[in-house]
Amino acid sequence: MAQDYQARLAQQAQQQRKAQQQAELARQREARHKQAEPIVNEFTALCRKRSLGMAGYRDSSSDWKDTPQQLREQVDNYNAMPETAQRRVLAEMKDDPAKAKGIADLLQQRTLVRSRNHDFGM
């Protein structure tokens, strides 16, 4: 009887630890998503503007030429994907801090080049 009680207590403690671990993993995932959200939003806005052929996002525009080659390729590849693949790319960006940072760095390079060129009247 006492052995059954101890076994149930041990099982409950194990379940509680597992629930706490799952809650912590969910909290960490939520924090990663929140941190990546502005990057994902900026990337998807860039992709959307490019896909619509908006001014500044065509091959011939100086703003698009100011975009780092790697980012241009990623935008064009993203736009060529089916919607399900696009959602998967965005989910990976949210889940993987290294991927989000890679895109953030490219977006920052683009911003720096564009601001430098506009400061010089280009």
PDB file of N, CA and C in Angstrom:
ATOM      1  N   MET A   1       0.821  -1.184   0.000  1.00  0.00           N
ATOM      2  CA  MET A   1       0.000   0.000   0.000  1.00  0.00           C
ATOM      3  C   MET A   1       0.867   1.251   0.000  1.00  0.00           C
ATOM      4  N   ALA A   2       1.823   1.298   0.917  1.00  0.00           N
ATOM      5  CA  ALA A   2       2.704   2.458   0.991  1.00  0.00           C
ATOM      6  C   ALA A   2       3.559   2.553  -0.268  1.00  0.00           C
ATOM      7  N   GLN A   3       3.881   1.382  -0.827  1.00  0.00           N
ATOM      8  CA  GLN A   3       4.681   1.356  -2.047  1.00  0.00           C
ATOM      9  C   GLN A   3       3.884   1.934  -3.214  1.00  0.00           C
ATOM     10  N   ASP A   4       2.598   1.584  -3.301  1.00  0.00           N
ATOM     11  CA  ASP A   4       1.734   2.126  -4.361  1.00  0.00           C
ATOM     12  C   ASP A   4       1.617   3.639  -4.226  1.00  0.00           C
ATOM     13  N   TYR A   5       1.469   4.101  -2.996  1.00  0.00           N
ATOM     14  CA  TYR A   5       1.350   5.531  -2.735  1.00  0.00           C
ATOM     15  C   TYR A   5       2.627   6.252  -3.165  1.00  0.00           C
ATOM     16  N   GLN A   6       3.771   5.697  -2.820  1.00  0.00           N
ATOM     17  CA  GLN A   6       5.044   6.308  -3.198  1.00  0.00           C
ATOM     18  C   GLN A   6       5.223   6.295  -4.725  1.00  0.00           C
ATOM     19  N   ALA A   7       4.798   5.229  -5.352  1.00  0.00           N
ATOM     20  CA  ALA A   7       4.897   5.130  -6.815  1.00  0.00           C
ATOM     21  C   ALA A   7       4.021   6.193  -7.462  1.00  0.00           C
ATOM     22  N   ARG A   8       2.802   6.389  -6.920  1.00  0.00           N
ATOM     23  CA  ARG A   8       1.908   7.424  -7.471  1.00  0.00           C
ATOM     24  C   ARG A   8       2.497   8.810  -7.259  1.00  0.00           C
ATOM     25  N   LEU A   9       3.075   9.026  -6.083  1.00  0.00           N
ATOM     26  CA  LEU A   9       3.722  10.320  -5.813  1.00  0.00           C
ATOM     27  C   LEU A   9       4.879  10.561  -6.782  1.00  0.00           C
ATOM     28  N   ALA A  10       5.676   9.539  -7.016  1.00  0.00           N
ATOM     29  CA  ALA A  10       6.807   9.664  -7.933  1.00  0.00           C
ATOM     30  C   ALA A  10       6.311   9.932  -9.352  1.00  0.00           C
ATOM     31  N   GLN A  11       5.236   9.261  -9.725  1.00  0.00           N
ATOM     32  CA  GLN A  11       4.667   9.464 -11.062  1.00  0.00           C
ATOM     33  C   GLN A  11       4.108  10.886 -11.191  1.00  0.00           C
ATOM     34  N   GLN A  12       3.425  11.349 -10.162  1.00  0.00           N
ATOM     35  CA  GLN A  12       2.884  12.711 -10.184  1.00  0.00           C
ATOM     36  C   GLN A  12       4.005  13.744 -10.260  1.00  0.00           C
ATOM     37  N   ALA A  13       5.080  13.513  -9.520  1.00  0.00           N
ATOM     38  CA  ALA A  13       6.215  14.431  -9.546  1.00  0.00           C
ATOM     39  C   ALA A  13       6.851  14.449 -10.935  1.00  0.00           C
ATOM     40  N   GLN A  14       6.941  13.283 -11.536  1.00  0.00           N
ATOM     41  CA  GLN A  14       7.517  13.198 -12.878  1.00  0.00           C
ATOM     42  C   GLN A  14       6.614  13.918 -13.894  1.00  0.00           C
ATOM     43  N   GLN A  15       5.315  13.733 -13.777  1.00  0.00           N
ATOM     44  CA  GLN A  15       4.379  14.413 -14.678  1.00  0.00           C
ATOM     45  C   GLN A  15       4.454  15.927 -14.493  1.00  0.00           C
ATOM     46  N   GLN A  16       4.603  16.347 -13.243  1.00  0.00           N
ATOM     47  CA  GLN A  16       4.695  17.776 -12.955  1.00  0.00           C
ATOM     48  C   GLN A  16       5.977  18.369 -13.560  1.00  0.00           C
ATOM     49  N   ARG A  17       7.082  17.644 -13.432  1.00  0.00           N
ATOM     50  CA  ARG A  17       8.346  18.108 -14.030  1.00  0.00           C
ATOM     51  C   ARG A  17       8.215  18.198 -15.548  1.00  0.00           C
ATOM     52  N   LYS A  18       7.580  17.206 -16.131  1.00  0.00           N
ATOM     53  CA  LYS A  18       7.391  17.187 -17.583  1.00  0.00           C
ATOM     54  C   LYS A  18       6.517  18.366 -18.016  1.00  0.00           C
ATOM     55  N   ALA A  19       5.472  18.635 -17.277  1.00  0.00           N
ATOM     56  CA  ALA A  19       4.593  19.767 -17.599  1.00  0.00           C
ATOM     57  C   ALA A  19       5.339  21.087 -17.477  1.00  0.00           C
ATOM     58  N   GLN A  20       6.194  21.198 -16.439  1.00  0.00           N
ATOM     59  CA  GLN A  20       6.987  22.415 -16.265  1.00  0.00           C
ATOM     60  C   GLN A  20       7.987  22.584 -17.411  1.00  0.00           C
ATOM     61  N   GLN A  21       8.597  21.489 -17.828  1.00  0.00           N
ATOM     62  CA  GLN A  21       9.539  21.549 -18.944  1.00  0.00           C
ATOM     63  C   GLN A  21       8.831  21.969 -20.233  1.00  0.00           C
ATOM     64  N   GLN A  22       7.647  21.405 -20.465  1.00  0.00           N
ATOM     65  CA  GLN A  22       6.884  21.758 -21.660  1.00  0.00           C
ATOM     66  C   GLN A  22       6.464  23.225 -21.626  1.00  0.00           C
ATOM     67  N   ALA A  23       6.081  23.703 -20.459  1.00  0.00           N
ATOM     68  CA  ALA A  23       5.698  25.108 -20.312  1.00  0.00           C
ATOM     69  C   ALA A  23       6.895  26.018 -20.577  1.00  0.00           C
ATOM     70  N   GLU A  24       8.063  25.617 -20.079  1.00  0.00           N
ATOM     71  CA  GLU A  24       9.281  26.412 -20.301  1.00  0.00           C
ATOM     72  C   GLU A  24       9.654  26.422 -21.788  1.00  0.00           C
ATOM     73  N   LEU A  25       9.550  25.272 -22.441  1.00  0.00           N
ATOM     74  CA  LEU A  25       9.834  25.214 -23.884  1.00  0.00           C
ATOM     75  C   LEU A  25       8.860  26.085 -24.669  1.00  0.00           C
ATOM     76  N   ALA A  26       7.604  26.070 -24.279  1.00  0.00           N
ATOM     77  CA  ALA A  26       6.602  26.909 -24.939  1.00  0.00           C
ATOM     78  C   ALA A  26       6.904  28.390 -24.714  1.00  0.00           C
ATOM     79  N   ARG A  27       7.331  28.737 -23.509  1.00  0.00           N
ATOM     80  CA  ARG A  27       7.683  30.127 -23.209  1.00  0.00           C
ATOM     81  C   ARG A  27       8.882  30.568 -24.043  1.00  0.00           C
ATOM     82  N   GLN A  28       9.883  29.701 -24.150  1.00  0.00           N
ATOM     83  CA  GLN A  28      11.066  30.025 -24.946  1.00  0.00           C
ATOM     84  C   GLN A  28      10.713  30.188 -26.426  1.00  0.00           C
ATOM     85  N   ARG A  29       9.855  29.301 -26.912  1.00  0.00           N
ATOM     86  CA  ARG A  29       9.429  29.375 -28.315  1.00  0.00           C
ATOM     87  C   ARG A  29       8.677  30.684 -28.561  1.00  0.00           C
ATOM     88  N   GLU A  30       7.802  31.046 -27.648  1.00  0.00           N
ATOM     89  CA  GLU A  30       7.041  32.292 -27.758  1.00  0.00           C
ATOM     90  C   GLU A  30       7.979  33.496 -27.761  1.00  0.00           C
ATOM     91  N   ALA A  31       9.007  33.455 -26.922  1.00  0.00           N
ATOM     92  CA  ALA A  31       9.984  34.551 -26.870  1.00  0.00           C
ATOM     93  C   ALA A  31      10.748  34.652 -28.187  1.00  0.00           C
ATOM     94  N   ARG A  32      11.129  33.510 -28.765  1.00  0.00           N
ATOM     95  CA  ARG A  32      11.820  33.521 -30.065  1.00  0.00           C
ATOM     96  C   ARG A  32      10.925  34.117 -31.137  1.00  0.00           C
ATOM     97  N   HIS A  33       9.665  33.706 -31.135  1.00  0.00           N
ATOM     98  CA  HIS A  33       8.715  34.208 -32.132  1.00  0.00           C
ATOM     99  C   HIS A  33       8.522  35.711 -31.998  1.00  0.00           C
ATOM    100  N   LYS A  34       8.408  36.164 -30.756  1.00  0.00           N
ATOM    101  CA  LYS A  34       8.202  37.598 -30.519  1.00  0.00           C
ATOM    102  C   LYS A  34       9.423  38.397 -30.974  1.00  0.00           C
ATOM    103  N   GLN A  35      10.593  37.862 -30.719  1.00  0.00           N
ATOM    104  CA  GLN A  35      11.827  38.537 -31.117  1.00  0.00           C
ATOM    105  C   GLN A  35      11.961  38.559 -32.645  1.00  0.00           C
ATOM    106  N   ALA A  36      11.551  37.507 -33.305  1.00  0.00           N
ATOM    107  CA  ALA A  36      11.689  37.410 -34.760  1.00  0.00           C
ATOM    108  C   ALA A  36      10.574  38.135 -35.510  1.00  0.00           C
ATOM    109  N   GLU A  37       9.496  38.463 -34.834  1.00  0.00           N
ATOM    110  CA  GLU A  37       8.327  39.035 -35.504  1.00  0.00           C
ATOM    111  C   GLU A  37       8.631  40.282 -36.341  1.00  0.00           C
ATOM    112  N   PRO A  38       9.360  41.273 -35.818  1.00  0.00           N
ATOM    113  CA  PRO A  38       9.642  42.454 -36.656  1.00  0.00           C
ATOM    114  C   PRO A  38      10.468  42.107 -37.901  1.00  0.00           C
ATOM    115  N   ILE A  39      11.369  41.149 -37.760  1.00  0.00           N
ATOM    116  CA  ILE A  39      12.201  40.727 -38.889  1.00  0.00           C
ATOM    117  C   ILE A  39      11.334  40.046 -39.937  1.00  0.00           C
ATOM    118  N   VAL A  40      10.489  39.133 -39.495  1.00  0.00           N
ATOM    119  CA  VAL A  40       9.594  38.418 -40.404  1.00  0.00           C
ATOM    120  C   VAL A  40       8.659  39.414 -41.102  1.00  0.00           C
ATOM    121  N   ASN A  41       8.139  40.373 -40.349  1.00  0.00           N
ATOM    122  CA  ASN A  41       7.236  41.365 -40.933  1.00  0.00           C
ATOM    123  C   ASN A  41       7.943  42.208 -41.989  1.00  0.00           C
ATOM    124  N   GLU A  42       9.166  42.623 -41.698  1.00  0.00           N
ATOM    125  CA  GLU A  42       9.914  43.428 -42.671  1.00  0.00           C
ATOM    126  C   GLU A  42      10.242  42.609 -43.918  1.00  0.00           C
ATOM    127  N   PHE A  43      10.637  41.357 -43.709  1.00  0.00           N
ATOM    128  CA  PHE A  43      10.942  40.477 -44.840  1.00  0.00           C
ATOM    129  C   PHE A  43       9.706  40.247 -45.701  1.00  0.00           C
ATOM    130  N   THR A  44       8.576  39.940 -45.082  1.00  0.00           N
ATOM    131  CA  THR A  44       7.362  39.676 -45.865  1.00  0.00           C
ATOM    132  C   THR A  44       6.875  40.942 -46.568  1.00  0.00           C
ATOM    133  N   ALA A  45       7.060  42.102 -45.955  1.00  0.00           N
ATOM    134  CA  ALA A  45       6.679  43.358 -46.622  1.00  0.00           C
ATOM    135  C   ALA A  45       7.546  43.577 -47.862  1.00  0.00           C
ATOM    136  N   LEU A  46       8.829  43.304 -47.726  1.00  0.00           N
ATOM    137  CA  LEU A  46       9.748  43.428 -48.855  1.00  0.00           C
ATOM    138  C   LEU A  46       9.339  42.461 -49.967  1.00  0.00           C
ATOM    139  N   CYS A  47       9.035  41.238 -49.597  1.00  0.00           N
ATOM    140  CA  CYS A  47       8.598  40.230 -50.579  1.00  0.00           C
ATOM    141  C   CYS A  47       7.310  40.654 -51.267  1.00  0.00           C
ATOM    142  N   ARG A  48       6.370  41.161 -50.495  1.00  0.00           N
ATOM    143  CA  ARG A  48       5.085  41.580 -51.048  1.00  0.00           C
ATOM    144  C   ARG A  48       5.275  42.723 -52.049  1.00  0.00           C
ATOM    145  N   LYS A  49       6.067  43.723 -51.661  1.00  0.00           N
ATOM    146  CA  LYS A  49       6.293  44.869 -52.547  1.00  0.00           C
ATOM    147  C   LYS A  49       6.990  44.425 -53.833  1.00  0.00           C
ATOM    148  N   ARG A  50       7.927  43.511 -53.706  1.00  0.00           N
ATOM    149  CA  ARG A  50       8.634  42.989 -54.875  1.00  0.00           C
ATOM    150  C   ARG A  50       7.672  42.215 -55.772  1.00  0.00           C
ATOM    151  N   SER A  51       6.845  41.372 -55.188  1.00  0.00           N
ATOM    152  CA  SER A  51       5.925  40.560 -55.992  1.00  0.00           C
ATOM    153  C   SER A  51       4.887  41.415 -56.706  1.00  0.00           C
ATOM    154  N   LEU A  52       4.537  42.555 -56.119  1.00  0.00           N
ATOM    155  CA  LEU A  52       3.570  43.466 -56.739  1.00  0.00           C
ATOM    156  C   LEU A  52       4.224  44.408 -57.737  1.00  0.00           C
ATOM    157  N   GLY A  53       5.547  44.387 -57.808  1.00  0.00           N
ATOM    158  CA  GLY A  53       6.267  45.254 -58.728  1.00  0.00           C
ATOM    159  C   GLY A  53       6.143  46.726 -58.377  1.00  0.00           C
ATOM    160  N   MET A  54       6.063  47.008 -57.098  1.00  0.00           N
ATOM    161  CA  MET A  54       5.903  48.389 -56.656  1.00  0.00           C
ATOM    162  C   MET A  54       7.156  49.198 -56.995  1.00  0.00           C
ATOM    163  N   ALA A  55       6.971  50.514 -57.083  1.00  0.00           N
ATOM    164  CA  ALA A  55       8.093  51.404 -57.365  1.00  0.00           C
ATOM    165  C   ALA A  55       9.177  51.181 -56.311  1.00  0.00           C
ATOM    166  N   GLY A  56      10.405  51.074 -56.782  1.00  0.00           N
ATOM    167  CA  GLY A  56      11.530  50.835 -55.889  1.00  0.00           C
ATOM    168  C   GLY A  56      11.865  49.365 -55.716  1.00  0.00           C
ATOM    169  N   TYR A  57      11.030  48.493 -56.255  1.00  0.00           N
ATOM    170  CA  TYR A  57      11.238  47.059 -56.068  1.00  0.00           C
ATOM    171  C   TYR A  57      11.361  46.309 -57.386  1.00  0.00           C
ATOM    172  N   ARG A  58      11.479  47.051 -58.468  1.00  0.00           N
ATOM    173  CA  ARG A  58      11.687  46.437 -59.784  1.00  0.00           C
ATOM    174  C   ARG A  58      13.189  46.267 -60.008  1.00  0.00           C
ATOM    175  N   ASP A  59      13.545  45.398 -60.948  1.00  0.00           N
ATOM    176  CA  ASP A  59      14.956  45.125 -61.231  1.00  0.00           C
ATOM    177  C   ASP A  59      15.741  46.391 -61.549  1.00  0.00           C
ATOM    178  N   SER A  60      15.108  47.332 -62.202  1.00  0.00           N
ATOM    179  CA  SER A  60      15.814  48.529 -62.665  1.00  0.00           C
ATOM    180  C   SER A  60      15.924  49.628 -61.605  1.00  0.00           C
ATOM    181  N   SER A  61      15.227  49.496 -60.491  1.00  0.00           N
ATOM    182  CA  SER A  61      15.207  50.580 -59.504  1.00  0.00           C
ATOM    183  C   SER A  61      16.461  50.574 -58.628  1.00  0.00           C
ATOM    184  N   SER A  62      16.904  51.772 -58.277  1.00  0.00           N
ATOM    185  CA  SER A  62      18.117  51.893 -57.450  1.00  0.00           C
ATOM    186  C   SER A  62      17.894  51.309 -56.053  1.00  0.00           C
ATOM    187  N   ASP A  63      16.693  51.446 -55.515  1.00  0.00           N
ATOM    188  CA  ASP A  63      16.421  50.875 -54.190  1.00  0.00           C
ATOM    189  C   ASP A  63      16.602  49.357 -54.205  1.00  0.00           C
ATOM    190  N   TRP A  64      16.134  48.709 -55.268  1.00  0.00           N
ATOM    191  CA  TRP A  64      16.279  47.252 -55.355  1.00  0.00           C
ATOM    192  C   TRP A  64      17.742  46.886 -55.559  1.00  0.00           C
ATOM    193  N   LYS A  65      18.449  47.678 -56.358  1.00  0.00           N
ATOM    194  CA  LYS A  65      19.871  47.415 -56.585  1.00  0.00           C
ATOM    195  C   LYS A  65      20.675  47.608 -55.301  1.00  0.00           C
ATOM    196  N   ASP A  66      20.191  48.447 -54.397  1.00  0.00           N
ATOM    197  CA  ASP A  66      20.855  48.658 -53.104  1.00  0.00           C
ATOM    198  C   ASP A  66      20.660  47.476 -52.154  1.00  0.00           C
ATOM    199  N   THR A  67      19.750  46.607 -52.498  1.00  0.00           N
ATOM    200  CA  THR A  67      19.475  45.433 -51.666  1.00  0.00           C
ATOM    201  C   THR A  67      20.594  44.418 -51.876  1.00  0.00           C
ATOM    202  N   PRO A  68      21.171  43.885 -50.798  1.00  0.00           N
ATOM    203  CA  PRO A  68      22.242  42.886 -50.959  1.00  0.00           C
ATOM    204  C   PRO A  68      21.781  41.722 -51.844  1.00  0.00           C
ATOM    205  N   GLN A  69      22.678  41.259 -52.679  1.00  0.00           N
ATOM    206  CA  GLN A  69      22.372  40.189 -53.635  1.00  0.00           C
ATOM    207  C   GLN A  69      21.735  38.979 -52.951  1.00  0.00           C
ATOM    208  N   GLN A  70      22.277  38.584 -51.808  1.00  0.00           N
ATOM    209  CA  GLN A  70      21.752  37.413 -51.098  1.00  0.00           C
ATOM    210  C   GLN A  70      20.297  37.636 -50.683  1.00  0.00           C
ATOM    211  N   LEU A  71      19.964  38.832 -50.242  1.00  0.00           N
ATOM    212  CA  LEU A  71      18.591  39.136 -49.846  1.00  0.00           C
ATOM    213  C   LEU A  71      17.679  39.169 -51.072  1.00  0.00           C
ATOM    214  N   ARG A  72      18.160  39.745 -52.171  1.00  0.00           N
ATOM    215  CA  ARG A  72      17.358  39.757 -53.412  1.00  0.00           C
ATOM    216  C   ARG A  72      17.018  38.334 -53.835  1.00  0.00           C
ATOM    217  N   GLU A  73      18.007  37.456 -53.758  1.00  0.00           N
ATOM    218  CA  GLU A  73      17.781  36.054 -54.137  1.00  0.00           C
ATOM    219  C   GLU A  73      16.769  35.396 -53.206  1.00  0.00           C
ATOM    220  N   GLN A  74      16.897  35.665 -51.911  1.00  0.00           N
ATOM    221  CA  GLN A  74      15.963  35.056 -50.955  1.00  0.00           C
ATOM    222  C   GLN A  74      14.547  35.566 -51.183  1.00  0.00           C
ATOM    223  N   VAL A  75      14.405  36.853 -51.473  1.00  0.00           N
ATOM    224  CA  VAL A  75      13.083  37.432 -51.739  1.00  0.00           C
ATOM    225  C   VAL A  75      12.485  36.799 -52.989  1.00  0.00           C
ATOM    226  N   ASP A  76      13.271  36.738 -54.057  1.00  0.00           N
ATOM    227  CA  ASP A  76      12.753  36.171 -55.305  1.00  0.00           C
ATOM    228  C   ASP A  76      12.448  34.681 -55.157  1.00  0.00           C
ATOM    229  N   ASN A  77      13.283  33.953 -54.427  1.00  0.00           N
ATOM    230  CA  ASN A  77      13.007  32.525 -54.179  1.00  0.00           C
ATOM    231  C   ASN A  77      11.729  32.362 -53.368  1.00  0.00           C
ATOM    232  N   TYR A  78      11.579  33.179 -52.346  1.00  0.00           N
ATOM    233  CA  TYR A  78      10.376  33.131 -51.504  1.00  0.00           C
ATOM    234  C   TYR A  78       9.135  33.399 -52.356  1.00  0.00           C
ATOM    235  N   ASN A  79       9.201  34.417 -53.186  1.00  0.00           N
ATOM    236  CA  ASN A  79       8.042  34.767 -54.013  1.00  0.00           C
ATOM    237  C   ASN A  79       7.699  33.694 -55.036  1.00  0.00           C
ATOM    238  N   ALA A  80       8.684  32.890 -55.430  1.00  0.00           N
ATOM    239  CA  ALA A  80       8.439  31.821 -56.402  1.00  0.00           C
ATOM    240  C   ALA A  80       7.851  30.562 -55.748  1.00  0.00           C
ATOM    241  N   MET A  81       7.866  30.503 -54.432  1.00  0.00           N
ATOM    242  CA  MET A  81       7.383  29.313 -53.709  1.00  0.00           C
ATOM    243  C   MET A  81       5.867  29.294 -53.619  1.00  0.00           C
ATOM    244  N   PRO A  82       5.308  28.075 -53.514  1.00  0.00           N
ATOM    245  CA  PRO A  82       3.878  27.990 -53.192  1.00  0.00           C
ATOM    246  C   PRO A  82       3.641  28.497 -51.767  1.00  0.00           C
ATOM    247  N   GLU A  83       2.420  28.863 -51.485  1.00  0.00           N
ATOM    248  CA  GLU A  83       2.089  29.461 -50.188  1.00  0.00           C
ATOM    249  C   GLU A  83       2.459  28.568 -49.003  1.00  0.00           C
ATOM    250  N   THR A  84       2.286  27.275 -49.142  1.00  0.00           N
ATOM    251  CA  THR A  84       2.620  26.375 -48.025  1.00  0.00           C
ATOM    252  C   THR A  84       4.116  26.410 -47.736  1.00  0.00           C
ATOM    253  N   ALA A  85       4.926  26.473 -48.765  1.00  0.00           N
ATOM    254  CA  ALA A  85       6.374  26.551 -48.574  1.00  0.00           C
ATOM    255  C   ALA A  85       6.752  27.904 -47.965  1.00  0.00           C
ATOM    256  N   GLN A  86       6.063  28.958 -48.368  1.00  0.00           N
ATOM    257  CA  GLN A  86       6.320  30.281 -47.790  1.00  0.00           C
ATOM    258  C   GLN A  86       6.035  30.273 -46.294  1.00  0.00           C
ATOM    259  N   ARG A  87       4.925  29.673 -45.905  1.00  0.00           N
ATOM    260  CA  ARG A  87       4.587  29.589 -44.481  1.00  0.00           C
ATOM    261  C   ARG A  87       5.656  28.809 -43.710  1.00  0.00           C
ATOM    262  N   ARG A  88       6.174  27.759 -44.330  1.00  0.00           N
ATOM    263  CA  ARG A  88       7.217  26.950 -43.688  1.00  0.00           C
ATOM    264  C   ARG A  88       8.495  27.782 -43.508  1.00  0.00           C
ATOM    265  N   VAL A  89       8.857  28.573 -44.519  1.00  0.00           N
ATOM    266  CA  VAL A  89      10.042  29.435 -44.424  1.00  0.00           C
ATOM    267  C   VAL A  89       9.885  30.431 -43.278  1.00  0.00           C
ATOM    268  N   LEU A  90       8.710  31.045 -43.176  1.00  0.00           N
ATOM    269  CA  LEU A  90       8.472  32.027 -42.110  1.00  0.00           C
ATOM    270  C   LEU A  90       8.489  31.351 -40.739  1.00  0.00           C
ATOM    271  N   ALA A  91       7.934  30.164 -40.645  1.00  0.00           N
ATOM    272  CA  ALA A  91       7.941  29.425 -39.374  1.00  0.00           C
ATOM    273  C   ALA A  91       9.377  29.083 -38.969  1.00  0.00           C
ATOM    274  N   GLU A  92      10.196  28.672 -39.940  1.00  0.00           N
ATOM    275  CA  GLU A  92      11.596  28.364 -39.645  1.00  0.00           C
ATOM    276  C   GLU A  92      12.332  29.618 -39.175  1.00  0.00           C
ATOM    277  N   MET A  93      12.010  30.738 -39.801  1.00  0.00           N
ATOM    278  CA  MET A  93      12.649  31.996 -39.417  1.00  0.00           C
ATOM    279  C   MET A  93      12.287  32.350 -37.969  1.00  0.00           C
ATOM    280  N   LYS A  94      11.043  32.082 -37.597  1.00  0.00           N
ATOM    281  CA  LYS A  94      10.598  32.376 -36.229  1.00  0.00           C
ATOM    282  C   LYS A  94      11.220  31.411 -35.214  1.00  0.00           C
ATOM    283  N   ASP A  95      11.384  30.151 -35.612  1.00  0.00           N
ATOM    284  CA  ASP A  95      11.879  29.132 -34.689  1.00  0.00           C
ATOM    285  C   ASP A  95      13.394  29.101 -34.570  1.00  0.00           C
ATOM    286  N   ASP A  96      14.089  29.547 -35.601  1.00  0.00           N
ATOM    287  CA  ASP A  96      15.546  29.445 -35.621  1.00  0.00           C
ATOM    288  C   ASP A  96      16.179  30.829 -35.524  1.00  0.00           C
ATOM    289  N   PRO A  97      16.702  31.175 -34.350  1.00  0.00           N
ATOM    290  CA  PRO A  97      17.290  32.509 -34.176  1.00  0.00           C
ATOM    291  C   PRO A  97      18.403  32.818 -35.179  1.00  0.00           C
ATOM    292  N   ALA A  98      19.155  31.801 -35.601  1.00  0.00           N
ATOM    293  CA  ALA A  98      20.238  32.032 -36.566  1.00  0.00           C
ATOM    294  C   ALA A  98      19.674  32.469 -37.917  1.00  0.00           C
ATOM    295  N   LYS A  99      18.566  31.856 -38.342  1.00  0.00           N
ATOM    296  CA  LYS A  99      17.950  32.256 -39.618  1.00  0.00           C
ATOM    297  C   LYS A  99      17.382  33.661 -39.517  1.00  0.00           C
ATOM    298  N   ALA A 100      16.725  33.955 -38.413  1.00  0.00           N
ATOM    299  CA  ALA A 100      16.169  35.306 -38.230  1.00  0.00           C
ATOM    300  C   ALA A 100      17.294  36.336 -38.210  1.00  0.00           C
ATOM    301  N   LYS A 101      18.396  36.017 -37.539  1.00  0.00           N
ATOM    302  CA  LYS A 101      19.521  36.953 -37.478  1.00  0.00           C
ATOM    303  C   LYS A 101      20.134  37.151 -38.858  1.00  0.00           C
ATOM    304  N   GLY A 102      20.223  36.086 -39.638  1.00  0.00           N
ATOM    305  CA  GLY A 102      20.764  36.199 -40.994  1.00  0.00           C
ATOM    306  C   GLY A 102      19.948  37.159 -41.841  1.00  0.00           C
ATOM    307  N   ILE A 103      18.632  37.037 -41.771  1.00  0.00           N
ATOM    308  CA  ILE A 103      17.753  37.940 -42.517  1.00  0.00           C
ATOM    309  C   ILE A 103      17.848  39.348 -41.947  1.00  0.00           C
ATOM    310  N   ALA A 104      17.884  39.460 -40.625  1.00  0.00           N
ATOM    311  CA  ALA A 104      17.985  40.781 -39.985  1.00  0.00           C
ATOM    312  C   ALA A 104      19.261  41.494 -40.423  1.00  0.00           C
ATOM    313  N   ASP A 105      20.361  40.759 -40.489  1.00  0.00           N
ATOM    314  CA  ASP A 105      21.628  41.362 -40.923  1.00  0.00           C
ATOM    315  C   ASP A 105      21.524  41.871 -42.359  1.00  0.00           C
ATOM    316  N   LEU A 106      20.910  41.084 -43.233  1.00  0.00           N
ATOM    317  CA  LEU A 106      20.753  41.503 -44.629  1.00  0.00           C
ATOM    318  C   LEU A 106      19.835  42.715 -44.746  1.00  0.00           C
ATOM    319  N   LEU A 107      18.763  42.722 -43.972  1.00  0.00           N
ATOM    320  CA  LEU A 107      17.858  43.871 -43.991  1.00  0.00           C
ATOM    321  C   LEU A 107      18.567  45.124 -43.478  1.00  0.00           C
ATOM    322  N   GLN A 108      19.401  44.945 -42.464  1.00  0.00           N
ATOM    323  CA  GLN A 108      20.154  46.081 -41.926  1.00  0.00           C
ATOM    324  C   GLN A 108      21.169  46.602 -42.953  1.00  0.00           C
ATOM    325  N   GLN A 109      21.837  45.695 -43.650  1.00  0.00           N
ATOM    326  CA  GLN A 109      22.768  46.106 -44.706  1.00  0.00           C
ATOM    327  C   GLN A 109      22.031  46.928 -45.766  1.00  0.00           C
ATOM    328  N   ARG A 110      20.852  46.460 -46.133  1.00  0.00           N
ATOM    329  CA  ARG A 110      20.046  47.169 -47.128  1.00  0.00           C
ATOM    330  C   ARG A 110      19.710  48.573 -46.650  1.00  0.00           C
ATOM    331  N   THR A 111      19.296  48.686 -45.408  1.00  0.00           N
ATOM    332  CA  THR A 111      18.952  49.987 -44.833  1.00  0.00           C
ATOM    333  C   THR A 111      20.152  50.920 -44.825  1.00  0.00           C
ATOM    334  N   LEU A 112      21.312  50.398 -44.435  1.00  0.00           N
ATOM    335  CA  LEU A 112      22.522  51.214 -44.388  1.00  0.00           C
ATOM    336  C   LEU A 112      22.921  51.714 -45.772  1.00  0.00           C
ATOM    337  N   VAL A 113      22.898  50.834 -46.750  1.00  0.00           N
ATOM    338  CA  VAL A 113      23.273  51.230 -48.115  1.00  0.00           C
ATOM    339  C   VAL A 113      22.292  52.255 -48.649  1.00  0.00           C
ATOM    340  N   ARG A 114      21.016  52.016 -48.435  1.00  0.00           N
ATOM    341  CA  ARG A 114      20.006  52.954 -48.942  1.00  0.00           C
ATOM    342  C   ARG A 114      20.138  54.319 -48.273  1.00  0.00           C
ATOM    343  N   SER A 115      20.365  54.337 -46.958  1.00  0.00           N
ATOM    344  CA  SER A 115      20.480  55.629 -46.279  1.00  0.00           C
ATOM    345  C   SER A 115      21.757  56.343 -46.705  1.00  0.00           C
ATOM    346  N   ARG A 116      22.827  55.608 -46.908  1.00  0.00           N
ATOM    347  CA  ARG A 116      24.082  56.194 -47.371  1.00  0.00           C
ATOM    348  C   ARG A 116      23.898  56.789 -48.767  1.00  0.00           C
ATOM    349  N   ASN A 117      23.252  56.058 -49.648  1.00  0.00           N
ATOM    350  CA  ASN A 117      23.038  56.538 -51.008  1.00  0.00           C
ATOM    351  C   ASN A 117      22.108  57.750 -51.041  1.00  0.00           C
ATOM    352  N   HIS A 118      21.101  57.758 -50.192  1.00  0.00           N
ATOM    353  CA  HIS A 118      20.180  58.893 -50.149  1.00  0.00           C
ATOM    354  C   HIS A 118      20.844  60.105 -49.520  1.00  0.00           C
ATOM    355  N   ASP A 119      21.739  59.879 -48.573  1.00  0.00           N
ATOM    356  CA  ASP A 119      22.471  60.989 -47.960  1.00  0.00           C
ATOM    357  C   ASP A 119      23.382  61.681 -48.970  1.00  0.00           C
ATOM    358  N   PHE A 120      23.900  60.879 -49.932  1.00  0.00           N
ATOM    359  CA  PHE A 120      24.791  61.420 -50.948  1.00  0.00           C
ATOM    360  C   PHE A 120      24.033  61.870 -52.175  1.00  0.00           C
ATOM    361  N   GLY A 121      22.707  61.831 -52.132  1.00  0.00           N
ATOM    362  CA  GLY A 121      21.888  62.309 -53.242  1.00  0.00           C
ATOM    363  C   GLY A 121      21.868  61.374 -54.425  1.00  0.00           C
ATOM    364  N   MET A 122      22.085  60.106 -54.191  1.00  0.00           N
ATOM    365  CA  MET A 122      22.082  59.136 -55.309  1.00  0.00           C
ATOM    366  C   MET A 122      20.691  58.684 -55.628  1.00  0.00           C
TER     367      MET A 122
END
